[in-house]
Amino acid sequence: MASLSLQLSSLHHTSTTLLILRTVPLNLHTPTQKPFSIGSQSPPVLSQDDLKKLAADKAVESVKSGMILGLGTGSTAAFVVDKLGQLLSTASSSFVVVADDSKLVSGLGGSGLAMPVEIVQFCWKYNLVRLEGLFKELGCEAKLMLVRDGSEKPHVTDNGNYIVDLYFKNPIKDGFGAGKEISALEGVVEHGLFLGMATSVIIAGKWRL
């Protein structure tokens, strides 16, 4: 600690007075403060299909009744057609199914194609196991639908739900009964059996319709 000494002599006294002044060191440095930062969440990463769907949804908003639409054959146009199909299905009074006779089957499933079931995200693993067990005798295998970008992330529907794909080794003989059993499970939003929707079916065979 620094010190300052000062001697004071008195003209009338023979003694000498020693005055010692001590200075206290001052800390002139400003306390260091940690930088304040506001964390921001990274925006969700959208797949190429997500971006195409967003563009398609925006394009369909411009469609008005009476318009003549010219549609391309690209992958984005497929999303436009799908969106238009959902709008038409809600406004139409008839649903006509058109197919060739190779699509005729004795039961639903068993072809290697998936039958989708939309479920809520909460307890999705539990519901996946229940759906698989529901059709155990048919050799059912349930798989969570993933985003097709290699990220292994679950596919999320427009309503924020997951999709469980059911693969059957043996076909479902009673479609209406299976639909009721699936819909009865808590957490199931919708299934892909599409029962009782068609008002007419047109099947083209080799010799006749």
N, C-alpha and C. Protein backbone atom coordinates (compact mmCIF):
# COMPACT_ATOMS: atom_id res chain seq x y z
N MET A 1 0.85 -1.19 0.00
CA MET A 1 0.00 0.00 0.00
C MET A 1 0.88 1.24 0.00
N ALA A 2 0.59 2.17 -0.88
CA ALA A 2 1.41 3.37 -1.02
C ALA A 2 1.18 4.28 0.17
N SER A 3 2.21 5.06 0.55
CA SER A 3 2.08 5.98 1.68
C SER A 3 2.75 7.29 1.33
N LEU A 4 2.28 8.32 1.95
CA LEU A 4 2.81 9.66 1.73
C LEU A 4 3.14 10.26 3.08
N SER A 5 4.38 10.66 3.23
CA SER A 5 4.84 11.22 4.51
C SER A 5 5.10 12.70 4.36
N LEU A 6 4.70 13.44 5.38
CA LEU A 6 4.88 14.89 5.37
C LEU A 6 5.34 15.32 6.76
N GLN A 7 6.47 16.02 6.80
CA GLN A 7 6.99 16.52 8.06
C GLN A 7 6.60 17.97 8.24
N LEU A 8 6.00 18.28 9.37
CA LEU A 8 5.62 19.64 9.72
C LEU A 8 6.47 20.13 10.87
N SER A 9 7.16 21.25 10.69
CA SER A 9 8.01 21.84 11.75
C SER A 9 7.31 23.03 12.34
N SER A 10 7.36 23.11 13.60
CA SER A 10 6.75 24.24 14.31
C SER A 10 7.83 25.27 14.62
N LEU A 11 7.49 26.56 14.35
CA LEU A 11 8.46 27.62 14.62
C LEU A 11 8.61 27.89 16.11
N HIS A 12 7.56 27.53 16.89
CA HIS A 12 7.59 27.85 18.32
C HIS A 12 7.93 26.66 19.17
N HIS A 13 8.00 25.49 18.58
CA HIS A 13 8.33 24.29 19.36
C HIS A 13 9.56 23.64 18.77
N THR A 14 10.30 23.04 19.63
CA THR A 14 11.52 22.36 19.18
C THR A 14 11.24 20.96 18.67
N SER A 15 10.05 20.44 19.05
CA SER A 15 9.73 19.06 18.60
C SER A 15 9.21 19.06 17.16
N THR A 16 9.44 18.01 16.56
CA THR A 16 8.99 17.82 15.16
C THR A 16 7.81 16.85 15.13
N THR A 17 6.74 17.28 14.46
CA THR A 17 5.56 16.41 14.34
C THR A 17 5.59 15.71 12.99
N LEU A 18 5.43 14.41 13.05
CA LEU A 18 5.44 13.60 11.82
C LEU A 18 4.01 13.20 11.50
N LEU A 19 3.52 13.67 10.36
CA LEU A 19 2.16 13.38 9.91
C LEU A 19 2.25 12.39 8.75
N ILE A 20 1.63 11.27 8.95
CA ILE A 20 1.66 10.21 7.93
C ILE A 20 0.27 10.07 7.32
N LEU A 21 0.17 10.28 6.06
CA LEU A 21 -1.09 10.13 5.32
C LEU A 21 -1.02 8.85 4.49
N ARG A 22 -2.02 8.05 4.65
CA ARG A 22 -2.06 6.80 3.88
C ARG A 22 -3.20 6.87 2.86
N THR A 23 -2.91 6.48 1.67
CA THR A 23 -3.93 6.49 0.62
C THR A 23 -4.42 5.07 0.36
N VAL A 24 -5.70 4.96 0.21
CA VAL A 24 -6.31 3.66 -0.07
C VAL A 24 -6.37 3.45 -1.57
N PRO A 25 -5.87 2.32 -2.08
CA PRO A 25 -5.91 2.08 -3.53
C PRO A 25 -7.35 1.97 -4.02
N LEU A 26 -7.63 2.64 -5.11
CA LEU A 26 -8.96 2.63 -5.69
C LEU A 26 -8.99 1.69 -6.89
N ASN A 27 -10.06 0.88 -6.95
CA ASN A 27 -10.26 -0.02 -8.09
C ASN A 27 -11.07 0.72 -9.15
N LEU A 28 -10.40 1.16 -10.19
CA LEU A 28 -11.05 1.94 -11.22
C LEU A 28 -11.61 1.07 -12.35
N HIS A 29 -11.47 -0.24 -12.20
CA HIS A 29 -11.94 -1.13 -13.26
C HIS A 29 -13.43 -1.40 -13.10
N THR A 30 -14.15 -1.33 -14.18
CA THR A 30 -15.59 -1.64 -14.18
C THR A 30 -15.79 -3.14 -14.08
N PRO A 31 -16.68 -3.59 -13.17
CA PRO A 31 -16.91 -5.04 -13.06
C PRO A 31 -17.31 -5.64 -14.40
N THR A 32 -16.70 -6.76 -14.65
CA THR A 32 -16.99 -7.44 -15.91
C THR A 32 -18.37 -8.05 -15.88
N GLN A 33 -19.16 -7.75 -16.88
CA GLN A 33 -20.50 -8.31 -16.98
C GLN A 33 -20.55 -9.32 -18.11
N LYS A 34 -21.27 -10.38 -17.85
CA LYS A 34 -21.43 -11.39 -18.88
C LYS A 34 -22.33 -10.86 -19.99
N PRO A 35 -21.99 -11.12 -21.21
CA PRO A 35 -22.84 -10.63 -22.32
C PRO A 35 -24.22 -11.23 -22.23
N PHE A 36 -25.21 -10.41 -22.50
CA PHE A 36 -26.61 -10.82 -22.45
C PHE A 36 -27.06 -11.19 -23.85
N SER A 37 -27.56 -12.34 -23.96
CA SER A 37 -28.00 -12.79 -25.28
C SER A 37 -29.38 -13.41 -25.18
N ILE A 38 -30.14 -13.24 -26.22
CA ILE A 38 -31.47 -13.82 -26.30
C ILE A 38 -31.42 -15.00 -27.26
N GLY A 39 -31.65 -16.18 -26.69
CA GLY A 39 -31.60 -17.38 -27.51
C GLY A 39 -32.79 -17.45 -28.45
N SER A 40 -32.58 -17.88 -29.65
CA SER A 40 -33.66 -18.02 -30.61
C SER A 40 -33.71 -19.46 -31.10
N GLN A 41 -34.91 -19.97 -31.25
CA GLN A 41 -35.07 -21.32 -31.73
C GLN A 41 -34.85 -21.39 -33.23
N SER A 42 -34.16 -22.45 -33.63
CA SER A 42 -33.92 -22.62 -35.05
C SER A 42 -35.23 -22.97 -35.75
N PRO A 43 -35.46 -22.41 -36.92
CA PRO A 43 -36.69 -22.75 -37.65
C PRO A 43 -36.69 -24.21 -38.04
N PRO A 44 -37.87 -24.86 -38.10
CA PRO A 44 -37.93 -26.27 -38.47
C PRO A 44 -37.40 -26.49 -39.88
N VAL A 45 -36.70 -27.60 -40.03
CA VAL A 45 -36.14 -27.94 -41.34
C VAL A 45 -37.22 -28.63 -42.17
N LEU A 46 -37.55 -28.05 -43.30
CA LEU A 46 -38.59 -28.60 -44.17
C LEU A 46 -37.96 -29.44 -45.26
N SER A 47 -38.59 -30.58 -45.54
CA SER A 47 -38.12 -31.43 -46.62
C SER A 47 -38.55 -30.83 -47.96
N GLN A 48 -38.04 -31.40 -49.03
CA GLN A 48 -38.40 -30.92 -50.36
C GLN A 48 -39.90 -31.13 -50.61
N ASP A 49 -40.43 -32.24 -50.14
CA ASP A 49 -41.87 -32.50 -50.29
C ASP A 49 -42.70 -31.49 -49.49
N ASP A 50 -42.21 -31.10 -48.31
CA ASP A 50 -42.92 -30.10 -47.51
C ASP A 50 -43.00 -28.78 -48.25
N LEU A 51 -41.89 -28.39 -48.88
CA LEU A 51 -41.87 -27.13 -49.63
C LEU A 51 -42.80 -27.19 -50.84
N LYS A 52 -42.81 -28.32 -51.52
CA LYS A 52 -43.70 -28.48 -52.68
C LYS A 52 -45.17 -28.40 -52.25
N LYS A 53 -45.46 -29.01 -51.10
CA LYS A 53 -46.83 -28.99 -50.60
C LYS A 53 -47.26 -27.58 -50.22
N LEU A 54 -46.35 -26.82 -49.62
CA LEU A 54 -46.67 -25.44 -49.27
C LEU A 54 -46.98 -24.62 -50.53
N ALA A 55 -46.16 -24.82 -51.56
CA ALA A 55 -46.39 -24.10 -52.82
C ALA A 55 -47.71 -24.52 -53.45
N ALA A 56 -48.03 -25.81 -53.39
CA ALA A 56 -49.28 -26.31 -53.97
C ALA A 56 -50.49 -25.76 -53.23
N ASP A 57 -50.42 -25.75 -51.89
CA ASP A 57 -51.53 -25.22 -51.10
C ASP A 57 -51.79 -23.75 -51.42
N LYS A 58 -50.71 -23.00 -51.60
CA LYS A 58 -50.85 -21.58 -51.93
C LYS A 58 -51.46 -21.40 -53.31
N ALA A 59 -51.07 -22.24 -54.24
CA ALA A 59 -51.61 -22.14 -55.59
C ALA A 59 -53.10 -22.45 -55.63
N VAL A 60 -53.53 -23.44 -54.84
CA VAL A 60 -54.94 -23.84 -54.83
C VAL A 60 -55.82 -22.73 -54.25
N GLU A 61 -55.24 -21.88 -53.40
CA GLU A 61 -56.01 -20.76 -52.85
C GLU A 61 -56.51 -19.82 -53.95
N SER A 62 -55.84 -19.82 -55.10
CA SER A 62 -56.23 -18.93 -56.21
C SER A 62 -57.30 -19.54 -57.10
N VAL A 63 -57.64 -20.80 -56.86
CA VAL A 63 -58.63 -21.48 -57.71
C VAL A 63 -60.03 -21.02 -57.34
N LYS A 64 -60.78 -20.63 -58.34
CA LYS A 64 -62.16 -20.19 -58.14
C LYS A 64 -63.11 -21.08 -58.94
N SER A 65 -64.37 -21.10 -58.52
CA SER A 65 -65.37 -21.90 -59.20
C SER A 65 -65.52 -21.45 -60.65
N GLY A 66 -65.56 -22.40 -61.59
CA GLY A 66 -65.73 -22.09 -63.01
C GLY A 66 -64.43 -21.98 -63.78
N MET A 67 -63.30 -22.01 -63.08
CA MET A 67 -62.01 -21.92 -63.76
C MET A 67 -61.70 -23.19 -64.54
N ILE A 68 -60.93 -23.04 -65.62
CA ILE A 68 -60.39 -24.17 -66.36
C ILE A 68 -58.91 -24.27 -65.98
N LEU A 69 -58.53 -25.39 -65.41
CA LEU A 69 -57.17 -25.55 -64.90
C LEU A 69 -56.35 -26.43 -65.83
N GLY A 70 -55.12 -26.00 -66.05
CA GLY A 70 -54.17 -26.81 -66.79
C GLY A 70 -53.12 -27.33 -65.83
N LEU A 71 -53.04 -28.62 -65.65
CA LEU A 71 -52.14 -29.22 -64.67
C LEU A 71 -51.00 -29.94 -65.36
N GLY A 72 -49.81 -29.78 -64.81
CA GLY A 72 -48.64 -30.46 -65.35
C GLY A 72 -48.53 -31.87 -64.79
N THR A 73 -47.38 -32.47 -65.02
CA THR A 73 -47.16 -33.85 -64.56
C THR A 73 -46.04 -33.94 -63.55
N GLY A 74 -45.54 -32.81 -63.08
CA GLY A 74 -44.45 -32.82 -62.12
C GLY A 74 -44.90 -33.23 -60.73
N SER A 75 -43.93 -33.38 -59.83
CA SER A 75 -44.24 -33.82 -58.47
C SER A 75 -45.02 -32.76 -57.69
N THR A 76 -44.77 -31.49 -57.96
CA THR A 76 -45.53 -30.43 -57.28
C THR A 76 -46.98 -30.42 -57.77
N ALA A 77 -47.18 -30.69 -59.05
CA ALA A 77 -48.55 -30.75 -59.58
C ALA A 77 -49.35 -31.86 -58.91
N ALA A 78 -48.66 -32.92 -58.50
CA ALA A 78 -49.34 -34.02 -57.82
C ALA A 78 -49.94 -33.55 -56.50
N PHE A 79 -49.23 -32.66 -55.81
CA PHE A 79 -49.75 -32.11 -54.56
C PHE A 79 -50.95 -31.20 -54.84
N VAL A 80 -50.90 -30.48 -55.97
CA VAL A 80 -52.04 -29.63 -56.35
C VAL A 80 -53.27 -30.48 -56.61
N VAL A 81 -53.09 -31.57 -57.36
CA VAL A 81 -54.22 -32.46 -57.66
C VAL A 81 -54.78 -33.06 -56.38
N ASP A 82 -53.90 -33.45 -55.47
CA ASP A 82 -54.36 -34.02 -54.20
C ASP A 82 -55.17 -33.01 -53.40
N LYS A 83 -54.70 -31.79 -53.36
CA LYS A 83 -55.42 -30.73 -52.64
C LYS A 83 -56.77 -30.45 -53.28
N LEU A 84 -56.80 -30.38 -54.61
CA LEU A 84 -58.06 -30.16 -55.31
C LEU A 84 -59.04 -31.30 -55.08
N GLY A 85 -58.50 -32.53 -55.03
CA GLY A 85 -59.35 -33.69 -54.79
C GLY A 85 -60.02 -33.63 -53.43
N GLN A 86 -59.30 -33.16 -52.39
CA GLN A 86 -59.90 -33.01 -51.06
C GLN A 86 -61.01 -31.99 -51.08
N LEU A 87 -60.82 -30.88 -51.85
CA LEU A 87 -61.85 -29.85 -51.92
C LEU A 87 -63.09 -30.36 -52.65
N LEU A 88 -62.86 -31.09 -53.75
CA LEU A 88 -63.99 -31.60 -54.53
C LEU A 88 -64.78 -32.66 -53.77
N SER A 89 -64.07 -33.47 -52.97
CA SER A 89 -64.76 -34.54 -52.24
C SER A 89 -65.74 -33.99 -51.22
N THR A 90 -65.41 -32.83 -50.65
CA THR A 90 -66.31 -32.24 -49.67
C THR A 90 -67.51 -31.56 -50.32
N ALA A 91 -67.37 -31.19 -51.60
CA ALA A 91 -68.45 -30.48 -52.27
C ALA A 91 -69.30 -31.37 -53.16
N SER A 92 -68.83 -32.59 -53.42
CA SER A 92 -69.55 -33.46 -54.35
C SER A 92 -70.56 -34.34 -53.62
N SER A 93 -71.56 -34.77 -54.37
CA SER A 93 -72.59 -35.65 -53.81
C SER A 93 -72.42 -37.09 -54.27
N SER A 94 -71.45 -37.36 -55.13
CA SER A 94 -71.21 -38.72 -55.61
C SER A 94 -69.72 -39.00 -55.63
N PHE A 95 -69.39 -40.28 -55.50
CA PHE A 95 -67.99 -40.72 -55.50
C PHE A 95 -67.91 -41.95 -56.39
N VAL A 96 -67.33 -41.79 -57.57
CA VAL A 96 -67.24 -42.87 -58.55
C VAL A 96 -65.82 -43.42 -58.56
N VAL A 97 -65.72 -44.72 -58.36
CA VAL A 97 -64.41 -45.40 -58.38
C VAL A 97 -64.22 -46.03 -59.76
N VAL A 98 -63.09 -45.77 -60.39
CA VAL A 98 -62.77 -46.30 -61.71
C VAL A 98 -61.48 -47.10 -61.62
N ALA A 99 -61.52 -48.35 -62.11
CA ALA A 99 -60.34 -49.21 -62.04
C ALA A 99 -60.44 -50.31 -63.07
N ASP A 100 -59.35 -51.05 -63.26
CA ASP A 100 -59.40 -52.23 -64.13
C ASP A 100 -59.58 -53.47 -63.26
N ASP A 101 -59.86 -54.59 -63.88
CA ASP A 101 -60.21 -55.78 -63.11
C ASP A 101 -59.05 -56.38 -62.31
N SER A 102 -57.82 -55.89 -62.54
CA SER A 102 -56.69 -56.39 -61.74
C SER A 102 -56.76 -55.90 -60.29
N LYS A 103 -57.59 -54.88 -60.05
CA LYS A 103 -57.73 -54.33 -58.70
C LYS A 103 -58.78 -55.07 -57.87
N LEU A 104 -59.49 -55.99 -58.49
CA LEU A 104 -60.49 -56.76 -57.75
C LEU A 104 -59.83 -57.79 -56.85
N VAL A 105 -60.18 -57.78 -55.58
CA VAL A 105 -59.60 -58.71 -54.60
C VAL A 105 -60.72 -59.28 -53.74
N SER A 106 -60.41 -60.40 -53.11
CA SER A 106 -61.39 -61.03 -52.23
C SER A 106 -61.40 -60.42 -50.84
N GLY A 107 -60.35 -59.67 -50.53
CA GLY A 107 -60.25 -59.03 -49.21
C GLY A 107 -59.27 -57.88 -49.28
N LEU A 108 -59.30 -57.01 -48.28
CA LEU A 108 -58.42 -55.84 -48.24
C LEU A 108 -57.10 -56.21 -47.57
N GLY A 109 -55.99 -55.76 -48.15
CA GLY A 109 -54.69 -56.08 -47.61
C GLY A 109 -54.14 -57.35 -48.23
N GLY A 110 -52.91 -57.70 -47.84
CA GLY A 110 -52.28 -58.90 -48.37
C GLY A 110 -51.55 -58.68 -49.67
N SER A 111 -51.61 -57.44 -50.20
CA SER A 111 -50.95 -57.14 -51.47
C SER A 111 -49.54 -56.57 -51.28
N GLY A 112 -49.14 -56.35 -50.03
CA GLY A 112 -47.84 -55.75 -49.76
C GLY A 112 -47.89 -54.25 -49.62
N LEU A 113 -49.05 -53.65 -49.94
CA LEU A 113 -49.21 -52.21 -49.80
C LEU A 113 -49.71 -51.87 -48.39
N ALA A 114 -49.39 -50.67 -47.94
CA ALA A 114 -49.73 -50.27 -46.58
C ALA A 114 -51.16 -49.75 -46.50
N MET A 115 -51.81 -50.02 -45.37
CA MET A 115 -53.11 -49.43 -45.06
C MET A 115 -52.85 -48.42 -43.93
N PRO A 116 -52.95 -47.11 -44.22
CA PRO A 116 -52.58 -46.10 -43.22
C PRO A 116 -53.65 -45.90 -42.15
N VAL A 117 -53.18 -45.58 -40.95
CA VAL A 117 -54.05 -45.22 -39.84
C VAL A 117 -53.47 -43.96 -39.20
N GLU A 118 -54.27 -42.91 -39.14
CA GLU A 118 -53.82 -41.64 -38.54
C GLU A 118 -54.09 -41.68 -37.04
N ILE A 119 -53.06 -41.40 -36.24
CA ILE A 119 -53.18 -41.43 -34.79
C ILE A 119 -52.59 -40.16 -34.20
N VAL A 120 -52.99 -39.82 -32.97
CA VAL A 120 -52.41 -38.66 -32.28
C VAL A 120 -50.99 -39.01 -31.85
N GLN A 121 -50.18 -37.99 -31.63
CA GLN A 121 -48.78 -38.22 -31.27
C GLN A 121 -48.64 -38.79 -29.86
N PHE A 122 -49.55 -38.41 -28.95
CA PHE A 122 -49.46 -38.87 -27.57
C PHE A 122 -49.62 -40.39 -27.50
N CYS A 123 -48.65 -41.05 -26.87
CA CYS A 123 -48.66 -42.52 -26.70
C CYS A 123 -48.74 -43.25 -28.05
N TRP A 124 -48.05 -42.72 -29.06
CA TRP A 124 -48.14 -43.33 -30.39
C TRP A 124 -47.56 -44.75 -30.41
N LYS A 125 -46.52 -45.00 -29.62
CA LYS A 125 -45.93 -46.34 -29.60
C LYS A 125 -46.92 -47.36 -29.05
N TYR A 126 -47.65 -46.95 -28.03
CA TYR A 126 -48.66 -47.82 -27.44
C TYR A 126 -49.74 -48.16 -28.45
N ASN A 127 -50.19 -47.15 -29.19
CA ASN A 127 -51.22 -47.38 -30.19
C ASN A 127 -50.71 -48.21 -31.36
N LEU A 128 -49.45 -48.03 -31.71
CA LEU A 128 -48.86 -48.84 -32.78
C LEU A 128 -48.90 -50.32 -32.41
N VAL A 129 -48.53 -50.63 -31.16
CA VAL A 129 -48.54 -52.02 -30.69
C VAL A 129 -49.97 -52.56 -30.67
N ARG A 130 -50.92 -51.74 -30.24
CA ARG A 130 -52.31 -52.18 -30.18
C ARG A 130 -52.88 -52.45 -31.57
N LEU A 131 -52.54 -51.59 -32.54
CA LEU A 131 -53.01 -51.81 -33.90
C LEU A 131 -52.45 -53.10 -34.49
N GLU A 132 -51.18 -53.36 -34.22
CA GLU A 132 -50.56 -54.58 -34.73
C GLU A 132 -51.20 -55.81 -34.09
N GLY A 133 -51.46 -55.72 -32.78
CA GLY A 133 -52.07 -56.85 -32.07
C GLY A 133 -53.51 -57.08 -32.46
N LEU A 134 -54.17 -56.04 -32.95
CA LEU A 134 -55.58 -56.15 -33.33
C LEU A 134 -55.78 -57.13 -34.49
N PHE A 135 -54.76 -57.21 -35.35
CA PHE A 135 -54.85 -58.09 -36.52
C PHE A 135 -53.69 -59.09 -36.55
N LYS A 136 -53.34 -59.57 -35.38
CA LYS A 136 -52.22 -60.49 -35.26
C LYS A 136 -52.45 -61.76 -36.08
N GLU A 137 -53.69 -62.23 -36.08
CA GLU A 137 -53.99 -63.48 -36.81
C GLU A 137 -53.87 -63.32 -38.32
N LEU A 138 -53.85 -62.07 -38.79
CA LEU A 138 -53.70 -61.80 -40.22
C LEU A 138 -52.25 -61.52 -40.60
N GLY A 139 -51.35 -61.69 -39.63
CA GLY A 139 -49.93 -61.43 -39.90
C GLY A 139 -49.64 -59.96 -40.10
N CYS A 140 -50.31 -59.11 -39.31
CA CYS A 140 -50.17 -57.66 -39.47
C CYS A 140 -48.86 -57.16 -38.89
N GLU A 141 -48.22 -56.26 -39.60
CA GLU A 141 -47.01 -55.57 -39.12
C GLU A 141 -47.25 -54.07 -39.20
N ALA A 142 -47.08 -53.38 -38.07
CA ALA A 142 -47.32 -51.94 -38.00
C ALA A 142 -46.00 -51.19 -38.00
N LYS A 143 -45.90 -50.15 -38.83
CA LYS A 143 -44.70 -49.33 -38.92
C LYS A 143 -45.08 -47.86 -38.91
N LEU A 144 -44.32 -47.06 -38.20
CA LEU A 144 -44.55 -45.62 -38.20
C LEU A 144 -44.06 -45.02 -39.52
N MET A 145 -44.91 -44.24 -40.17
CA MET A 145 -44.51 -43.60 -41.43
C MET A 145 -43.47 -42.52 -41.14
N LEU A 146 -42.38 -42.54 -41.89
CA LEU A 146 -41.30 -41.58 -41.70
C LEU A 146 -41.23 -40.61 -42.88
N VAL A 147 -40.60 -39.47 -42.64
CA VAL A 147 -40.38 -38.50 -43.70
C VAL A 147 -39.41 -39.09 -44.71
N ARG A 148 -39.68 -38.89 -45.98
CA ARG A 148 -38.88 -39.52 -47.03
C ARG A 148 -37.67 -38.67 -47.41
N ASP A 149 -36.88 -38.29 -46.41
CA ASP A 149 -35.67 -37.52 -46.69
C ASP A 149 -34.45 -38.14 -46.03
N GLY A 150 -34.62 -39.34 -45.50
CA GLY A 150 -33.51 -40.02 -44.84
C GLY A 150 -33.23 -39.57 -43.43
N SER A 151 -34.06 -38.69 -42.87
CA SER A 151 -33.81 -38.16 -41.53
C SER A 151 -34.37 -39.04 -40.42
N GLU A 152 -35.15 -40.05 -40.78
CA GLU A 152 -35.78 -40.95 -39.81
C GLU A 152 -36.74 -40.22 -38.88
N LYS A 153 -37.26 -39.08 -39.31
CA LYS A 153 -38.23 -38.35 -38.50
C LYS A 153 -39.64 -38.79 -38.88
N PRO A 154 -40.56 -38.83 -37.91
CA PRO A 154 -41.93 -39.24 -38.22
C PRO A 154 -42.61 -38.25 -39.16
N HIS A 155 -43.41 -38.78 -40.07
CA HIS A 155 -44.22 -37.93 -40.93
C HIS A 155 -45.36 -37.33 -40.10
N VAL A 156 -45.56 -36.03 -40.22
CA VAL A 156 -46.60 -35.34 -39.46
C VAL A 156 -47.67 -34.84 -40.43
N THR A 157 -48.92 -35.16 -40.13
CA THR A 157 -50.02 -34.76 -41.01
C THR A 157 -50.33 -33.27 -40.83
N ASP A 158 -51.24 -32.77 -41.65
CA ASP A 158 -51.65 -31.37 -41.55
C ASP A 158 -52.27 -31.05 -40.20
N ASN A 159 -52.83 -32.07 -39.55
CA ASN A 159 -53.45 -31.88 -38.24
C ASN A 159 -52.49 -32.14 -37.10
N GLY A 160 -51.21 -32.35 -37.42
CA GLY A 160 -50.21 -32.57 -36.38
C GLY A 160 -50.19 -33.97 -35.81
N ASN A 161 -50.68 -34.95 -36.58
CA ASN A 161 -50.74 -36.33 -36.11
C ASN A 161 -49.71 -37.20 -36.83
N TYR A 162 -49.57 -38.45 -36.36
CA TYR A 162 -48.68 -39.42 -36.98
C TYR A 162 -49.50 -40.39 -37.84
N ILE A 163 -48.79 -41.12 -38.71
CA ILE A 163 -49.40 -42.15 -39.54
C ILE A 163 -48.73 -43.49 -39.23
N VAL A 164 -49.55 -44.49 -38.92
CA VAL A 164 -49.05 -45.85 -38.75
C VAL A 164 -49.50 -46.66 -39.96
N ASP A 165 -48.55 -47.26 -40.66
CA ASP A 165 -48.85 -48.09 -41.82
C ASP A 165 -49.01 -49.54 -41.38
N LEU A 166 -50.12 -50.15 -41.77
CA LEU A 166 -50.37 -51.55 -41.45
C LEU A 166 -50.16 -52.40 -42.69
N TYR A 167 -49.31 -53.42 -42.57
CA TYR A 167 -49.03 -54.35 -43.66
C TYR A 167 -49.60 -55.72 -43.29
N PHE A 168 -50.44 -56.26 -44.16
CA PHE A 168 -51.11 -57.53 -43.89
C PHE A 168 -50.57 -58.64 -44.78
N LYS A 169 -50.23 -59.77 -44.17
CA LYS A 169 -49.84 -60.94 -44.95
C LYS A 169 -51.07 -61.62 -45.53
N ASN A 170 -52.16 -61.57 -44.78
CA ASN A 170 -53.43 -62.15 -45.22
C ASN A 170 -54.48 -61.04 -45.31
N PRO A 171 -55.34 -61.08 -46.31
CA PRO A 171 -56.32 -60.01 -46.50
C PRO A 171 -57.40 -59.97 -45.42
N ILE A 172 -57.96 -58.78 -45.22
CA ILE A 172 -59.07 -58.57 -44.29
C ILE A 172 -60.36 -58.96 -45.01
N LYS A 173 -61.08 -59.90 -44.45
CA LYS A 173 -62.33 -60.34 -45.08
C LYS A 173 -63.49 -59.43 -44.74
N ASP A 174 -63.52 -58.93 -43.51
CA ASP A 174 -64.61 -58.06 -43.06
C ASP A 174 -64.08 -56.65 -42.89
N GLY A 175 -64.16 -55.86 -43.95
CA GLY A 175 -63.63 -54.50 -43.92
C GLY A 175 -64.37 -53.60 -42.95
N PHE A 176 -65.70 -53.71 -42.92
CA PHE A 176 -66.48 -52.86 -42.03
C PHE A 176 -66.22 -53.20 -40.56
N GLY A 177 -66.07 -54.49 -40.27
CA GLY A 177 -65.76 -54.90 -38.90
C GLY A 177 -64.38 -54.42 -38.46
N ALA A 178 -63.41 -54.52 -39.38
CA ALA A 178 -62.05 -54.06 -39.07
C ALA A 178 -62.04 -52.55 -38.85
N GLY A 179 -62.82 -51.84 -39.68
CA GLY A 179 -62.87 -50.38 -39.53
C GLY A 179 -63.43 -49.97 -38.18
N LYS A 180 -64.45 -50.67 -37.71
CA LYS A 180 -65.04 -50.36 -36.40
C LYS A 180 -64.05 -50.63 -35.27
N GLU A 181 -63.31 -51.73 -35.38
CA GLU A 181 -62.33 -52.06 -34.33
C GLU A 181 -61.21 -51.02 -34.28
N ILE A 182 -60.76 -50.58 -35.44
CA ILE A 182 -59.69 -49.57 -35.47
C ILE A 182 -60.18 -48.25 -34.90
N SER A 183 -61.36 -47.83 -35.32
CA SER A 183 -61.90 -46.55 -34.87
C SER A 183 -62.23 -46.55 -33.38
N ALA A 184 -62.44 -47.73 -32.81
CA ALA A 184 -62.79 -47.82 -31.39
C ALA A 184 -61.59 -47.57 -30.47
N LEU A 185 -60.38 -47.63 -31.01
CA LEU A 185 -59.18 -47.42 -30.19
C LEU A 185 -59.00 -45.94 -29.90
N GLU A 186 -58.70 -45.63 -28.62
CA GLU A 186 -58.43 -44.25 -28.25
C GLU A 186 -57.15 -43.78 -28.95
N GLY A 187 -57.19 -42.58 -29.47
CA GLY A 187 -56.01 -42.02 -30.14
C GLY A 187 -56.04 -42.19 -31.64
N VAL A 188 -56.97 -43.00 -32.16
CA VAL A 188 -57.10 -43.16 -33.61
C VAL A 188 -57.95 -42.03 -34.16
N VAL A 189 -57.44 -41.35 -35.17
CA VAL A 189 -58.16 -40.24 -35.80
C VAL A 189 -58.95 -40.71 -37.01
N GLU A 190 -58.29 -41.47 -37.90
CA GLU A 190 -58.93 -41.94 -39.13
C GLU A 190 -58.15 -43.12 -39.67
N HIS A 191 -58.79 -43.94 -40.47
CA HIS A 191 -58.10 -45.06 -41.11
C HIS A 191 -58.30 -44.99 -42.62
N GLY A 192 -57.51 -45.75 -43.34
CA GLY A 192 -57.51 -45.68 -44.79
C GLY A 192 -58.31 -46.77 -45.47
N LEU A 193 -59.32 -47.31 -44.81
CA LEU A 193 -60.15 -48.33 -45.46
C LEU A 193 -61.18 -47.70 -46.41
N PHE A 194 -61.56 -46.45 -46.15
CA PHE A 194 -62.49 -45.72 -47.03
C PHE A 194 -63.75 -46.53 -47.31
N LEU A 195 -64.44 -46.87 -46.27
CA LEU A 195 -65.62 -47.74 -46.37
C LEU A 195 -66.89 -46.92 -46.58
N GLY A 196 -67.77 -47.43 -47.42
CA GLY A 196 -69.07 -46.82 -47.62
C GLY A 196 -69.04 -45.46 -48.28
N MET A 197 -68.00 -45.16 -49.01
CA MET A 197 -67.87 -43.84 -49.63
C MET A 197 -68.31 -43.83 -51.09
N ALA A 198 -68.08 -44.92 -51.81
CA ALA A 198 -68.36 -44.96 -53.25
C ALA A 198 -69.86 -45.06 -53.50
N THR A 199 -70.34 -44.25 -54.43
CA THR A 199 -71.74 -44.34 -54.86
C THR A 199 -71.87 -45.25 -56.07
N SER A 200 -70.79 -45.41 -56.82
CA SER A 200 -70.76 -46.35 -57.94
C SER A 200 -69.33 -46.72 -58.26
N VAL A 201 -69.16 -47.91 -58.85
CA VAL A 201 -67.83 -48.42 -59.20
C VAL A 201 -67.84 -48.89 -60.65
N ILE A 202 -66.87 -48.45 -61.43
CA ILE A 202 -66.74 -48.86 -62.83
C ILE A 202 -65.46 -49.68 -62.98
N ILE A 203 -65.61 -50.94 -63.34
CA ILE A 203 -64.47 -51.84 -63.50
C ILE A 203 -64.37 -52.23 -64.97
N ALA A 204 -63.20 -52.05 -65.55
CA ALA A 204 -62.96 -52.41 -66.96
C ALA A 204 -62.24 -53.74 -67.03
N GLY A 205 -62.90 -54.72 -67.72
CA GLY A 205 -62.29 -56.02 -67.96
C GLY A 205 -61.87 -56.17 -69.41
N LYS A 206 -61.36 -57.31 -69.74
CA LYS A 206 -60.91 -57.54 -71.12
C LYS A 206 -62.08 -57.54 -72.10
N TRP A 207 -63.26 -57.99 -71.67
CA TRP A 207 -64.36 -58.15 -72.58
C TRP A 207 -65.50 -57.16 -72.35
N ARG A 208 -65.56 -56.63 -71.17
CA ARG A 208 -66.71 -55.74 -70.89
C ARG A 208 -66.41 -54.87 -69.68
N LEU A 209 -67.28 -53.87 -69.46
CA LEU A 209 -67.21 -53.01 -68.28
C LEU A 209 -68.06 -53.61 -67.17
